[in-house]
Amino acid sequence: MQLKRLGASKPLSDCLREVEEPEGRQRLAKVLNQGPFPHFEPSSRPGILVKVNEKGTRTEGRFINRKFD
């Protein structure tokens, strides 16, 4: 089976490096804000996540027994 490329490809190392740059962070934020919701982001506090709902509500917590609390 032969795969078709839909666009220009980049090495994975280049893609990962871009995430740490301002343009990469903006691109990531844009994708995350398009859904699906809820999604989760790291918090500034170790071991804590930020849950972001569709309306923009942000809640800090962590998963306990597969439930966000």
PDB file of N, CA and C in Angstrom:
ATOM      1  N   MET A   1       0.849  -1.182   0.000  1.00  0.00           N
ATOM      2  CA  MET A   1       0.000   0.000   0.000  1.00  0.00           C
ATOM      3  C   MET A   1       0.891   1.241   0.000  1.00  0.00           C
ATOM      4  N   GLN A   2       0.584   2.176  -0.851  1.00  0.00           N
ATOM      5  CA  GLN A   2       1.370   3.397  -0.955  1.00  0.00           C
ATOM      6  C   GLN A   2       0.574   4.562  -0.360  1.00  0.00           C
ATOM      7  N   LEU A   3       1.222   5.347   0.509  1.00  0.00           N
ATOM      8  CA  LEU A   3       0.569   6.482   1.159  1.00  0.00           C
ATOM      9  C   LEU A   3       0.780   7.749   0.357  1.00  0.00           C
ATOM     10  N   LYS A   4      -0.249   8.576   0.290  1.00  0.00           N
ATOM     11  CA  LYS A   4      -0.133   9.874  -0.378  1.00  0.00           C
ATOM     12  C   LYS A   4       0.157  10.940   0.650  1.00  0.00           C
ATOM     13  N   ARG A   5       1.004  11.858   0.309  1.00  0.00           N
ATOM     14  CA  ARG A   5       1.288  12.993   1.177  1.00  0.00           C
ATOM     15  C   ARG A   5       0.348  14.131   0.792  1.00  0.00           C
ATOM     16  N   LEU A   6      -0.246  14.758   1.782  1.00  0.00           N
ATOM     17  CA  LEU A   6      -1.177  15.848   1.525  1.00  0.00           C
ATOM     18  C   LEU A   6      -0.510  17.214   1.559  1.00  0.00           C
ATOM     19  N   GLY A   7       0.703  17.292   1.999  1.00  0.00           N
ATOM     20  CA  GLY A   7       1.409  18.565   2.067  1.00  0.00           C
ATOM     21  C   GLY A   7       2.882  18.322   2.318  1.00  0.00           C
ATOM     22  N   ALA A   8       3.585  19.410   2.508  1.00  0.00           N
ATOM     23  CA  ALA A   8       5.010  19.300   2.794  1.00  0.00           C
ATOM     24  C   ALA A   8       5.206  18.625   4.145  1.00  0.00           C
ATOM     25  N   SER A   9       6.215  17.797   4.226  1.00  0.00           N
ATOM     26  CA  SER A   9       6.477  17.125   5.497  1.00  0.00           C
ATOM     27  C   SER A   9       7.708  17.733   6.157  1.00  0.00           C
ATOM     28  N   LYS A  10       7.740  17.649   7.468  1.00  0.00           N
ATOM     29  CA  LYS A  10       8.861  18.147   8.259  1.00  0.00           C
ATOM     30  C   LYS A  10       9.343  17.025   9.157  1.00  0.00           C
ATOM     31  N   PRO A  11      10.612  17.033   9.485  1.00  0.00           N
ATOM     32  CA  PRO A  11      11.087  16.054  10.466  1.00  0.00           C
ATOM     33  C   PRO A  11      10.413  16.300  11.824  1.00  0.00           C
ATOM     34  N   LEU A  12      10.157  15.229  12.546  1.00  0.00           N
ATOM     35  CA  LEU A  12       9.512  15.333  13.849  1.00  0.00           C
ATOM     36  C   LEU A  12      10.302  16.232  14.786  1.00  0.00           C
ATOM     37  N   SER A  13      11.624  16.177  14.724  1.00  0.00           N
ATOM     38  CA  SER A  13      12.450  17.016  15.609  1.00  0.00           C
ATOM     39  C   SER A  13      12.184  18.501  15.368  1.00  0.00           C
ATOM     40  N   ASP A  14      11.940  18.898  14.119  1.00  0.00           N
ATOM     41  CA  ASP A  14      11.613  20.305  13.821  1.00  0.00           C
ATOM     42  C   ASP A  14      10.258  20.686  14.402  1.00  0.00           C
ATOM     43  N   CYS A  15       9.289  19.790  14.280  1.00  0.00           N
ATOM     44  CA  CYS A  15       7.949  20.056  14.811  1.00  0.00           C
ATOM     45  C   CYS A  15       7.994  20.233  16.324  1.00  0.00           C
ATOM     46  N   LEU A  16       8.720  19.361  16.998  1.00  0.00           N
ATOM     47  CA  LEU A  16       8.806  19.448  18.458  1.00  0.00           C
ATOM     48  C   LEU A  16       9.537  20.709  18.893  1.00  0.00           C
ATOM     49  N   ARG A  17      10.544  21.118  18.159  1.00  0.00           N
ATOM     50  CA  ARG A  17      11.293  22.329  18.488  1.00  0.00           C
ATOM     51  C   ARG A  17      10.383  23.568  18.368  1.00  0.00           C
ATOM     52  N   GLU A  18       9.485  23.576  17.393  1.00  0.00           N
ATOM     53  CA  GLU A  18       8.595  24.719  17.172  1.00  0.00           C
ATOM     54  C   GLU A  18       7.633  24.949  18.332  1.00  0.00           C
ATOM     55  N   VAL A  19       7.283  23.898  19.057  1.00  0.00           N
ATOM     56  CA  VAL A  19       6.331  24.027  20.161  1.00  0.00           C
ATOM     57  C   VAL A  19       6.859  24.967  21.233  1.00  0.00           C
ATOM     58  N   GLU A  20       8.166  25.040  21.399  1.00  0.00           N
ATOM     59  CA  GLU A  20       8.764  25.898  22.414  1.00  0.00           C
ATOM     60  C   GLU A  20       8.944  27.342  21.955  1.00  0.00           C
ATOM     61  N   GLU A  21       8.613  27.629  20.709  1.00  0.00           N
ATOM     62  CA  GLU A  21       8.737  28.989  20.182  1.00  0.00           C
ATOM     63  C   GLU A  21       7.374  29.670  20.222  1.00  0.00           C
ATOM     64  N   PRO A  22       7.352  31.015  20.260  1.00  0.00           N
ATOM     65  CA  PRO A  22       6.072  31.734  20.329  1.00  0.00           C
ATOM     66  C   PRO A  22       5.093  31.361  19.208  1.00  0.00           C
ATOM     67  N   GLU A  23       5.571  31.221  17.977  1.00  0.00           N
ATOM     68  CA  GLU A  23       4.670  30.859  16.871  1.00  0.00           C
ATOM     69  C   GLU A  23       4.057  29.474  17.085  1.00  0.00           C
ATOM     70  N   GLY A  24       4.864  28.550  17.572  1.00  0.00           N
ATOM     71  CA  GLY A  24       4.362  27.208  17.829  1.00  0.00           C
ATOM     72  C   GLY A  24       3.328  27.186  18.937  1.00  0.00           C
ATOM     73  N   ARG A  25       3.563  27.968  19.980  1.00  0.00           N
ATOM     74  CA  ARG A  25       2.593  28.045  21.084  1.00  0.00           C
ATOM     75  C   ARG A  25       1.279  28.665  20.620  1.00  0.00           C
ATOM     76  N   GLN A  26       1.356  29.677  19.762  1.00  0.00           N
ATOM     77  CA  GLN A  26       0.139  30.304  19.241  1.00  0.00           C
ATOM     78  C   GLN A  26      -0.640  29.326  18.367  1.00  0.00           C
ATOM     79  N   ARG A  27       0.089  28.577  17.536  1.00  0.00           N
ATOM     80  CA  ARG A  27      -0.569  27.589  16.672  1.00  0.00           C
ATOM     81  C   ARG A  27      -1.241  26.504  17.506  1.00  0.00           C
ATOM     82  N   LEU A  28      -0.566  26.034  18.550  1.00  0.00           N
ATOM     83  CA  LEU A  28      -1.138  25.027  19.438  1.00  0.00           C
ATOM     84  C   LEU A  28      -2.382  25.556  20.144  1.00  0.00           C
ATOM     85  N   ALA A  29      -2.326  26.785  20.652  1.00  0.00           N
ATOM     86  CA  ALA A  29      -3.485  27.383  21.333  1.00  0.00           C
ATOM     87  C   ALA A  29      -4.672  27.494  20.380  1.00  0.00           C
ATOM     88  N   LYS A  30      -4.411  27.852  19.130  1.00  0.00           N
ATOM     89  CA  LYS A  30      -5.488  27.969  18.140  1.00  0.00           C
ATOM     90  C   LYS A  30      -6.163  26.624  17.906  1.00  0.00           C
ATOM     91  N   VAL A  31      -5.366  25.568  17.765  1.00  0.00           N
ATOM     92  CA  VAL A  31      -5.926  24.230  17.550  1.00  0.00           C
ATOM     93  C   VAL A  31      -6.730  23.786  18.768  1.00  0.00           C
ATOM     94  N   LEU A  32      -6.185  23.996  19.965  1.00  0.00           N
ATOM     95  CA  LEU A  32      -6.888  23.580  21.180  1.00  0.00           C
ATOM     96  C   LEU A  32      -8.197  24.340  21.367  1.00  0.00           C
ATOM     97  N   ASN A  33      -8.235  25.611  21.003  1.00  0.00           N
ATOM     98  CA  ASN A  33      -9.443  26.414  21.178  1.00  0.00           C
ATOM     99  C   ASN A  33     -10.535  26.069  20.179  1.00  0.00           C
ATOM    100  N   GLN A  34     -10.223  25.274  19.173  1.00  0.00           N
ATOM    101  CA  GLN A  34     -11.233  24.851  18.206  1.00  0.00           C
ATOM    102  C   GLN A  34     -11.963  23.595  18.661  1.00  0.00           C
ATOM    103  N   GLY A  35     -11.567  23.023  19.785  1.00  0.00           N
ATOM    104  CA  GLY A  35     -12.245  21.857  20.325  1.00  0.00           C
ATOM    105  C   GLY A  35     -11.434  20.618  20.106  1.00  0.00           C
ATOM    106  N   PRO A  36     -11.821  19.476  20.514  1.00  0.00           N
ATOM    107  CA  PRO A  36     -13.025  19.196  21.290  1.00  0.00           C
ATOM    108  C   PRO A  36     -12.854  19.628  22.740  1.00  0.00           C
ATOM    109  N   PHE A  37     -13.959  19.834  23.361  1.00  0.00           N
ATOM    110  CA  PHE A  37     -13.957  20.268  24.757  1.00  0.00           C
ATOM    111  C   PHE A  37     -14.547  19.169  25.618  1.00  0.00           C
ATOM    112  N   PRO A  38     -14.187  19.069  26.855  1.00  0.00           N
ATOM    113  CA  PRO A  38     -13.144  19.854  27.507  1.00  0.00           C
ATOM    114  C   PRO A  38     -11.772  19.359  27.072  1.00  0.00           C
ATOM    115  N   HIS A  39     -10.786  20.215  27.206  1.00  0.00           N
ATOM    116  CA  HIS A  39      -9.410  19.764  27.048  1.00  0.00           C
ATOM    117  C   HIS A  39      -8.620  20.215  28.266  1.00  0.00           C
ATOM    118  N   PHE A  40      -7.429  19.696  28.387  1.00  0.00           N
ATOM    119  CA  PHE A  40      -6.637  19.894  29.592  1.00  0.00           C
ATOM    120  C   PHE A  40      -5.278  20.493  29.254  1.00  0.00           C
ATOM    121  N   GLU A  41      -4.808  21.362  30.147  1.00  0.00           N
ATOM    122  CA  GLU A  41      -3.502  22.007  30.000  1.00  0.00           C
ATOM    123  C   GLU A  41      -2.731  21.825  31.296  1.00  0.00           C
ATOM    124  N   PRO A  42      -1.409  21.897  31.206  1.00  0.00           N
ATOM    125  CA  PRO A  42      -0.639  21.820  32.452  1.00  0.00           C
ATOM    126  C   PRO A  42      -0.835  23.081  33.288  1.00  0.00           C
ATOM    127  N   SER A  43      -0.770  22.936  34.580  1.00  0.00           N
ATOM    128  CA  SER A  43      -0.845  24.057  35.510  1.00  0.00           C
ATOM    129  C   SER A  43       0.570  24.447  35.910  1.00  0.00           C
ATOM    130  N   SER A  44       0.703  25.594  36.527  1.00  0.00           N
ATOM    131  CA  SER A  44       2.018  26.004  37.036  1.00  0.00           C
ATOM    132  C   SER A  44       2.369  25.220  38.295  1.00  0.00           C
ATOM    133  N   ARG A  45       1.370  24.560  38.882  1.00  0.00           N
ATOM    134  CA  ARG A  45       1.588  23.742  40.090  1.00  0.00           C
ATOM    135  C   ARG A  45       1.849  22.293  39.679  1.00  0.00           C
ATOM    136  N   PRO A  46       2.913  21.677  40.167  1.00  0.00           N
ATOM    137  CA  PRO A  46       3.215  20.288  39.800  1.00  0.00           C
ATOM    138  C   PRO A  46       2.076  19.335  40.161  1.00  0.00           C
ATOM    139  N   GLY A  47       1.774  18.416  39.237  1.00  0.00           N
ATOM    140  CA  GLY A  47       0.753  17.407  39.487  1.00  0.00           C
ATOM    141  C   GLY A  47      -0.672  17.882  39.286  1.00  0.00           C
ATOM    142  N   ILE A  48      -0.850  19.139  38.882  1.00  0.00           N
ATOM    143  CA  ILE A  48      -2.188  19.714  38.710  1.00  0.00           C
ATOM    144  C   ILE A  48      -2.412  20.035  37.236  1.00  0.00           C
ATOM    145  N   LEU A  49      -3.644  19.800  36.758  1.00  0.00           N
ATOM    146  CA  LEU A  49      -4.040  20.135  35.393  1.00  0.00           C
ATOM    147  C   LEU A  49      -5.082  21.239  35.418  1.00  0.00           C
ATOM    148  N   VAL A  50      -5.248  21.911  34.291  1.00  0.00           N
ATOM    149  CA  VAL A  50      -6.293  22.912  34.127  1.00  0.00           C
ATOM    150  C   VAL A  50      -7.275  22.368  33.101  1.00  0.00           C
ATOM    151  N   LYS A  51      -8.532  22.219  33.499  1.00  0.00           N
ATOM    152  CA  LYS A  51      -9.586  21.756  32.600  1.00  0.00           C
ATOM    153  C   LYS A  51     -10.223  22.991  31.971  1.00  0.00           C
ATOM    154  N   VAL A  52     -10.276  23.031  30.631  1.00  0.00           N
ATOM    155  CA  VAL A  52     -10.845  24.169  29.915  1.00  0.00           C
ATOM    156  C   VAL A  52     -12.133  23.709  29.241  1.00  0.00           C
ATOM    157  N   ASN A  53     -13.253  24.330  29.618  1.00  0.00           N
ATOM    158  CA  ASN A  53     -14.548  24.017  29.022  1.00  0.00           C
ATOM    159  C   ASN A  53     -14.792  24.892  27.799  1.00  0.00           C
ATOM    160  N   GLU A  54     -15.820  24.558  27.025  1.00  0.00           N
ATOM    161  CA  GLU A  54     -16.119  25.265  25.785  1.00  0.00           C
ATOM    162  C   GLU A  54     -16.365  26.757  25.995  1.00  0.00           C
ATOM    163  N   LYS A  55     -16.942  27.130  27.119  1.00  0.00           N
ATOM    164  CA  LYS A  55     -17.223  28.544  27.403  1.00  0.00           C
ATOM    165  C   LYS A  55     -16.010  29.283  27.945  1.00  0.00           C
ATOM    166  N   GLY A  56     -14.874  28.576  28.087  1.00  0.00           N
ATOM    167  CA  GLY A  56     -13.657  29.204  28.568  1.00  0.00           C
ATOM    168  C   GLY A  56     -13.431  29.070  30.065  1.00  0.00           C
ATOM    169  N   THR A  57     -14.347  28.402  30.759  1.00  0.00           N
ATOM    170  CA  THR A  57     -14.181  28.185  32.189  1.00  0.00           C
ATOM    171  C   THR A  57     -12.952  27.320  32.431  1.00  0.00           C
ATOM    172  N   ARG A  58     -12.113  27.737  33.353  1.00  0.00           N
ATOM    173  CA  ARG A  58     -10.881  27.021  33.667  1.00  0.00           C
ATOM    174  C   ARG A  58     -10.953  26.530  35.109  1.00  0.00           C
ATOM    175  N   THR A  59     -10.727  25.224  35.305  1.00  0.00           N
ATOM    176  CA  THR A  59     -10.789  24.616  36.621  1.00  0.00           C
ATOM    177  C   THR A  59      -9.512  23.822  36.867  1.00  0.00           C
ATOM    178  N   GLU A  60      -8.857  24.069  37.991  1.00  0.00           N
ATOM    179  CA  GLU A  60      -7.666  23.304  38.334  1.00  0.00           C
ATOM    180  C   GLU A  60      -8.066  22.041  39.092  1.00  0.00           C
ATOM    181  N   GLY A  61      -7.340  20.971  38.856  1.00  0.00           N
ATOM    182  CA  GLY A  61      -7.610  19.720  39.563  1.00  0.00           C
ATOM    183  C   GLY A  61      -6.672  18.632  39.080  1.00  0.00           C
ATOM    184  N   ARG A  62      -7.046  17.409  39.365  1.00  0.00           N
ATOM    185  CA  ARG A  62      -6.257  16.256  38.924  1.00  0.00           C
ATOM    186  C   ARG A  62      -7.187  15.072  38.779  1.00  0.00           C
ATOM    187  N   PHE A  63      -6.710  14.046  38.103  1.00  0.00           N
ATOM    188  CA  PHE A  63      -7.501  12.833  37.910  1.00  0.00           C
ATOM    189  C   PHE A  63      -7.265  11.897  39.087  1.00  0.00           C
ATOM    190  N   ILE A  64      -8.361  11.475  39.698  1.00  0.00           N
ATOM    191  CA  ILE A  64      -8.327  10.507  40.775  1.00  0.00           C
ATOM    192  C   ILE A  64      -9.299   9.400  40.397  1.00  0.00           C
ATOM    193  N   ASN A  65      -8.788   8.180  40.288  1.00  0.00           N
ATOM    194  CA  ASN A  65      -9.624   7.046  39.855  1.00  0.00           C
ATOM    195  C   ASN A  65     -10.356   7.358  38.552  1.00  0.00           C
ATOM    196  N   ARG A  66      -9.637   7.932  37.586  1.00  0.00           N
ATOM    197  CA  ARG A  66     -10.137   8.245  36.252  1.00  0.00           C
ATOM    198  C   ARG A  66     -11.198   9.338  36.227  1.00  0.00           C
ATOM    199  N   LYS A  67     -11.354  10.083  37.319  1.00  0.00           N
ATOM    200  CA  LYS A  67     -12.321  11.171  37.380  1.00  0.00           C
ATOM    201  C   LYS A  67     -11.576  12.461  37.716  1.00  0.00           C
ATOM    202  N   PHE A  68     -11.877  13.522  36.970  1.00  0.00           N
ATOM    203  CA  PHE A  68     -11.224  14.805  37.232  1.00  0.00           C
ATOM    204  C   PHE A  68     -11.867  15.425  38.454  1.00  0.00           C
ATOM    205  N   ASP A  69     -11.047  15.719  39.440  1.00  0.00           N
ATOM    206  CA  ASP A  69     -11.553  16.253  40.703  1.00  0.00           C
ATOM    207  C   ASP A  69     -10.713  17.429  41.134  1.00  0.00           C
TER     208      ASP A  69
END
